[in-house]
Amino acid sequence: MKLEDCRSNPQTADDVQRGNRAWWSDNPMTYDWHGDITLEPGTREWFGEVDRRFVEASRPYLTSQRPFDRIMPSDLHGQQVLEIGCGMGLHSLELARRGAHVHAVDLTDVAVEATRSRMKEFGMDAEVQCADAEALPYDNQTFDLVWSWGVIHHSARTTRIVREIARVLKPHGAARLMVYNREGRIARLMLLRHYLLGGEFISRTPDETLWRWTDGYSARYYHKEQFDDLARGFFEEVSSVVLGQEADVVPLPHRVRPMIASRLSDQRKLAIASRAGGFLFLTASKPLS
């Protein structure tokens, strides 16, 4: 049962978190959409193929020369950095390669073990543990940076996570967080296809339709001003931008999408993604006491 069924099958937030843990344990984010990666999971070669798929899909939207260099600080030497929702460990690895002392948490043991294996395979260090970000196992003012990519909107109580992020950041620290964009082209197309044309408006709200057709046990989509306002409850300085990927720029089947995308300049792609992208990328600093 997913979260959209809660009206007829009420669940507590703890029930939702248990559902999240089970769903992501069974469906780890490997980017193997069609089951065609034949390499042994957990090997250096397997991680390399998973990374290639993700990083190539992020060009030029998130990546220019090195992975995520459009959005991730280039020099983190000596900084204590926390990643929330480490998944298969790609972002933790890139943070470590930039010099950070990396700590990472995830709701599932599957992700924790994968990230530990990855860091060992690539000769990097990170302290990785299983934890619920709604109650982070760290002291106040521990980190210089908290990073989370596409995770906290899946939680039962996202606001609690933002509060926890503010708590564990140092006074000069910053958070960089991505959540799904309610105004993005993909969200709009899902609503057109399933909510309107598919008739789900009869029995579901628009948000319930988005949850139903999105990966994960539960998922929220935020309007830009809505997520900015949430963050302002815990941070003095907040700003966000819209980001996207090729599917946002050319919303066609994946087999024909590259043919159309190849005709667009990088500048044009970035301009479209900045308006129609499916990601809200928020930077917050100066945690409120």
Protein backbone atom coordinates (compact mmCIF):
# COMPACT_ATOMS: atom_id res chain seq x y z
CA MET A 1 0.00 0.00 0.00
CA LYS A 2 1.31 3.43 -0.94
CA LEU A 3 0.63 6.74 0.72
CA GLU A 4 -2.17 7.69 -1.66
CA ASP A 5 -4.32 5.01 0.02
CA CYS A 6 -4.07 6.67 3.43
CA ARG A 7 -7.52 8.25 3.30
CA SER A 8 -9.19 4.84 3.31
CA ASN A 9 -6.38 3.07 5.23
CA PRO A 10 -5.08 5.57 7.80
CA GLN A 11 -1.41 5.20 8.68
CA THR A 12 0.80 6.84 11.25
CA ALA A 13 3.99 8.58 10.17
CA ASP A 14 5.93 5.67 11.62
CA ASP A 15 3.95 3.30 9.39
CA VAL A 16 4.94 5.39 6.39
CA GLN A 17 8.59 5.30 7.40
CA ARG A 18 8.43 1.52 7.67
CA GLY A 19 6.89 1.46 4.21
CA ASN A 20 9.66 3.70 2.91
CA ARG A 21 12.33 1.46 4.39
CA ALA A 22 10.80 -1.67 2.86
CA TRP A 23 10.25 -0.09 -0.57
CA TRP A 24 13.79 1.24 -0.94
CA SER A 25 15.26 -1.99 0.43
CA ASP A 26 13.48 -3.87 -2.35
CA ASN A 27 14.10 -1.20 -5.03
CA PRO A 28 17.56 0.35 -4.55
CA MET A 29 18.41 3.18 -6.93
CA THR A 30 20.77 1.44 -9.34
CA TYR A 31 19.65 3.24 -12.56
CA ASP A 32 19.26 -0.18 -14.16
CA TRP A 33 15.87 0.72 -15.59
CA HIS A 34 15.70 -2.22 -18.00
CA GLY A 35 17.66 -4.86 -16.08
CA ASP A 36 20.47 -4.91 -18.61
CA ILE A 37 23.48 -4.42 -16.31
CA THR A 38 25.06 -7.87 -16.23
CA LEU A 39 28.06 -6.96 -14.06
CA GLU A 40 28.37 -8.34 -10.53
CA PRO A 41 26.67 -5.90 -8.13
CA GLY A 42 29.03 -4.22 -5.69
CA THR A 43 32.13 -4.56 -7.85
CA ARG A 44 34.15 -1.59 -9.04
CA GLU A 45 32.97 -2.29 -12.59
CA TRP A 46 29.32 -2.39 -11.54
CA PHE A 47 29.61 0.89 -9.66
CA GLY A 48 31.34 2.36 -12.69
CA GLU A 49 28.45 1.44 -14.98
CA VAL A 50 25.84 2.74 -12.52
CA ASP A 51 27.79 5.99 -12.27
CA ARG A 52 28.18 6.31 -16.03
CA ARG A 53 24.43 6.11 -16.53
CA PHE A 54 23.65 8.69 -13.88
CA VAL A 55 26.43 11.12 -14.75
CA GLU A 56 25.79 10.98 -18.49
CA ALA A 57 22.09 11.63 -17.88
CA SER A 58 23.10 14.70 -15.86
CA ARG A 59 25.03 16.37 -18.72
CA PRO A 60 24.90 19.33 -19.22
CA TYR A 61 22.27 19.96 -16.56
CA LEU A 62 24.18 19.05 -13.39
CA THR A 63 27.57 18.08 -14.80
CA SER A 64 29.97 20.02 -16.98
CA GLN A 65 33.47 18.53 -16.61
CA ARG A 66 33.39 16.48 -13.41
CA PRO A 67 30.29 14.88 -11.84
CA PHE A 68 27.86 17.44 -10.39
CA ASP A 69 30.30 20.33 -10.75
CA ARG A 70 27.39 22.66 -11.55
CA ILE A 71 25.82 22.07 -8.13
CA MET A 72 28.43 20.61 -5.75
CA PRO A 73 31.18 22.72 -4.10
CA SER A 74 34.53 22.06 -5.77
CA ASP A 75 36.72 22.29 -2.67
CA LEU A 76 35.59 20.69 0.59
CA HIS A 77 39.02 19.99 2.10
CA GLY A 78 38.85 19.77 5.87
CA GLN A 79 35.07 20.12 6.01
CA GLN A 80 32.73 17.82 7.88
CA VAL A 81 30.00 16.87 5.41
CA LEU A 82 26.83 14.84 5.93
CA GLU A 83 24.92 13.19 3.12
CA ILE A 84 21.31 12.30 3.87
CA GLY A 85 20.12 9.34 1.81
CA CYS A 86 23.34 7.96 0.36
CA GLY A 87 21.72 5.33 -1.89
CA MET A 88 24.42 3.57 -3.91
CA GLY A 89 27.03 6.06 -2.71
CA LEU A 90 27.86 8.12 -5.80
CA HIS A 91 27.36 11.49 -4.12
CA SER A 92 29.28 10.39 -1.01
CA LEU A 93 32.18 9.37 -3.24
CA GLU A 94 32.17 12.70 -5.07
CA LEU A 95 32.05 14.63 -1.79
CA ALA A 96 35.04 12.63 -0.53
CA ARG A 97 36.94 13.23 -3.77
CA ARG A 98 36.50 16.95 -3.14
CA GLY A 99 38.28 16.55 0.19
CA ALA A 100 35.36 16.26 2.61
CA HIS A 101 35.29 14.15 5.74
CA VAL A 102 32.11 12.33 4.73
CA HIS A 103 29.40 11.04 7.01
CA ALA A 104 26.37 9.42 5.39
CA VAL A 105 23.04 8.05 6.55
CA ASP A 106 20.33 6.09 4.84
CA LEU A 107 17.08 4.50 5.94
CA THR A 108 18.06 1.08 4.53
CA ASP A 109 20.82 -1.39 5.28
CA VAL A 110 21.04 -2.09 1.53
CA ALA A 111 22.18 1.46 0.82
CA VAL A 112 24.53 1.56 3.79
CA GLU A 113 26.31 -1.61 2.70
CA ALA A 114 26.46 -0.46 -0.92
CA THR A 115 27.99 2.88 0.05
CA ARG A 116 30.52 1.24 2.36
CA SER A 117 31.49 -1.19 -0.41
CA ARG A 118 31.79 1.63 -2.94
CA MET A 119 34.05 3.73 -0.74
CA LYS A 120 36.29 0.72 -0.08
CA GLU A 121 36.43 -0.17 -3.79
CA PHE A 122 37.50 3.37 -4.71
CA GLY A 123 39.92 3.80 -1.81
CA MET A 124 37.98 6.55 -0.04
CA ASP A 125 36.76 6.92 3.53
CA ALA A 126 33.30 7.66 4.90
CA GLU A 127 31.42 6.98 8.09
CA VAL A 128 28.16 5.40 6.95
CA GLN A 129 25.30 4.28 9.15
CA CYS A 130 21.65 3.34 9.00
CA ALA A 131 19.52 6.12 10.48
CA ASP A 132 16.26 7.99 10.00
CA ALA A 133 17.01 11.60 9.08
CA GLU A 134 13.96 12.70 11.04
CA ALA A 135 16.16 12.08 14.13
CA LEU A 136 19.80 12.38 13.10
CA PRO A 137 22.32 10.63 15.41
CA TYR A 138 24.70 13.61 15.61
CA ASP A 139 25.41 16.39 18.08
CA ASN A 140 24.37 19.97 17.50
CA GLN A 141 26.60 22.05 15.19
CA THR A 142 28.62 19.11 13.83
CA PHE A 143 28.73 19.76 10.08
CA ASP A 144 29.93 22.40 7.65
CA LEU A 145 27.67 21.11 4.85
CA VAL A 146 24.62 18.86 4.64
CA TRP A 147 23.90 17.43 1.20
CA SER A 148 20.82 15.53 0.08
CA TRP A 149 19.78 14.70 -3.48
CA GLY A 150 16.23 13.54 -4.13
CA VAL A 151 15.59 12.02 -0.70
CA ILE A 152 13.86 14.10 1.94
CA HIS A 153 10.60 14.50 0.00
CA HIS A 154 10.08 10.74 0.45
CA SER A 155 10.00 11.02 4.23
CA ALA A 156 6.82 10.94 6.29
CA ARG A 157 7.79 14.22 8.01
CA THR A 158 10.06 16.21 5.72
CA THR A 159 9.85 19.29 7.95
CA ARG A 160 11.45 17.33 10.79
CA ILE A 161 14.39 16.53 8.54
CA VAL A 162 14.90 20.20 7.67
CA ARG A 163 14.77 21.02 11.38
CA GLU A 164 17.37 18.31 12.06
CA ILE A 165 19.59 19.63 9.28
CA ALA A 166 19.54 23.09 10.85
CA ARG A 167 20.35 21.59 14.25
CA VAL A 168 23.44 19.64 13.13
CA LEU A 169 24.89 22.45 10.99
CA LYS A 170 27.55 24.76 12.36
CA PRO A 171 26.57 28.45 12.51
CA HIS A 172 28.48 29.11 9.28
CA GLY A 173 27.29 25.88 7.68
CA ALA A 174 25.05 25.39 4.66
CA ALA A 175 22.58 22.84 3.34
CA ARG A 176 22.10 21.88 -0.32
CA LEU A 177 18.91 19.90 -0.87
CA MET A 178 16.97 18.64 -3.87
CA VAL A 179 13.27 17.85 -3.85
CA TYR A 180 10.75 17.28 -6.66
CA ASN A 181 9.27 20.31 -8.39
CA ARG A 182 5.46 20.44 -8.38
CA GLU A 183 5.55 22.87 -11.32
CA GLY A 184 7.97 20.79 -13.39
CA ARG A 185 7.07 19.44 -16.81
CA ILE A 186 7.17 15.80 -15.70
CA ALA A 187 4.75 16.46 -12.84
CA ARG A 188 2.42 18.33 -15.18
CA LEU A 189 2.49 15.53 -17.73
CA MET A 190 1.77 12.92 -15.05
CA LEU A 191 -1.24 14.91 -13.92
CA LEU A 192 -2.46 15.30 -17.49
CA ARG A 193 -2.07 11.61 -18.27
CA HIS A 194 -3.26 10.02 -15.05
CA TYR A 195 -5.27 12.61 -13.13
CA LEU A 196 -7.23 14.12 -16.01
CA LEU A 197 -7.18 11.73 -18.96
CA GLY A 198 -6.90 8.66 -16.73
CA GLY A 199 -9.84 9.72 -14.59
CA GLU A 200 -8.06 9.69 -11.24
CA PHE A 201 -9.61 13.08 -10.43
CA ILE A 202 -12.73 11.13 -9.50
CA SER A 203 -11.16 9.44 -6.48
CA ARG A 204 -7.79 11.13 -5.82
CA THR A 205 -6.29 14.54 -5.28
CA PRO A 206 -3.54 15.74 -7.65
CA ASP A 207 -0.89 15.09 -4.99
CA GLU A 208 -2.15 11.55 -4.47
CA THR A 209 -1.85 10.93 -8.20
CA LEU A 210 1.74 12.18 -8.19
CA TRP A 211 2.58 9.93 -5.23
CA ARG A 212 0.98 6.96 -6.98
CA TRP A 213 3.09 7.30 -10.12
CA THR A 214 6.41 8.22 -8.49
CA ASP A 215 9.11 5.83 -7.29
CA GLY A 216 9.02 5.19 -3.57
CA TYR A 217 6.42 4.28 -0.99
CA SER A 218 5.63 7.96 -0.49
CA ALA A 219 6.72 11.15 -2.25
CA ARG A 220 5.91 14.84 -2.13
CA TYR A 221 6.22 17.46 -4.84
CA TYR A 222 6.84 21.05 -3.73
CA HIS A 223 6.08 24.41 -5.27
CA LYS A 224 9.21 26.55 -5.21
CA GLU A 225 7.79 29.17 -2.86
CA GLN A 226 6.39 26.42 -0.62
CA PHE A 227 9.73 24.70 -0.09
CA ASP A 228 11.56 28.01 0.27
CA ASP A 229 9.08 28.99 2.97
CA LEU A 230 9.52 25.69 4.80
CA ALA A 231 13.29 26.22 4.88
CA ARG A 232 12.92 29.81 6.09
CA GLY A 233 11.41 28.44 9.28
CA PHE A 234 14.88 27.12 10.16
CA PHE A 235 17.38 29.23 8.17
CA GLU A 236 17.98 32.93 7.79
CA GLU A 237 19.22 32.74 4.20
CA VAL A 238 17.38 30.59 1.64
CA SER A 239 17.46 30.45 -2.14
CA SER A 240 16.48 27.86 -4.71
CA VAL A 241 16.66 27.21 -8.43
CA VAL A 242 14.90 24.87 -10.82
CA LEU A 243 17.07 22.15 -12.34
CA GLY A 244 16.28 19.30 -14.69
CA GLN A 245 17.55 16.60 -16.99
CA GLU A 246 16.99 15.53 -20.56
CA ALA A 247 13.56 14.03 -19.86
CA ASP A 248 12.40 17.45 -18.66
CA VAL A 249 13.74 19.20 -21.74
CA VAL A 250 12.55 16.62 -24.29
CA PRO A 251 9.62 14.71 -22.71
CA LEU A 252 9.56 11.93 -25.30
CA PRO A 253 10.23 8.15 -25.06
CA HIS A 254 13.85 7.44 -24.15
CA ARG A 255 14.63 5.82 -27.50
CA VAL A 256 13.85 8.93 -29.53
CA ARG A 257 14.72 11.56 -26.94
CA PRO A 258 18.47 11.72 -27.74
CA MET A 259 17.80 12.40 -31.40
CA ILE A 260 15.85 15.53 -30.55
CA ALA A 261 18.12 16.58 -27.70
CA SER A 262 21.20 16.39 -29.92
CA ARG A 263 19.75 19.20 -32.05
CA LEU A 264 19.63 21.58 -29.08
CA SER A 265 22.61 23.55 -27.82
CA ASP A 266 23.69 23.16 -24.21
CA GLN A 267 22.66 26.75 -23.60
CA ARG A 268 19.17 26.03 -24.90
CA LYS A 269 18.89 22.85 -22.84
CA LEU A 270 19.91 24.64 -19.67
CA ALA A 271 17.44 27.43 -20.34
CA ILE A 272 14.55 25.00 -20.79
CA ALA A 273 15.55 22.97 -17.72
CA SER A 274 15.67 26.13 -15.60
CA ARG A 275 11.97 26.67 -16.35
CA ALA A 276 10.52 23.18 -16.76
CA GLY A 277 12.89 21.00 -14.73
CA GLY A 278 11.65 18.46 -12.25
CA PHE A 279 14.07 19.38 -9.45
CA LEU A 280 14.08 22.17 -6.89
CA PHE A 281 17.63 22.69 -5.63
CA LEU A 282 17.71 24.70 -2.43
CA THR A 283 20.66 26.29 -0.64
CA ALA A 284 20.13 27.35 2.98
CA SER A 285 22.56 28.92 5.43
CA LYS A 286 22.70 30.65 8.82
CA PRO A 287 20.62 28.19 10.86
CA LEU A 288 18.23 29.93 13.23
CA SER A 289 18.93 29.32 16.89
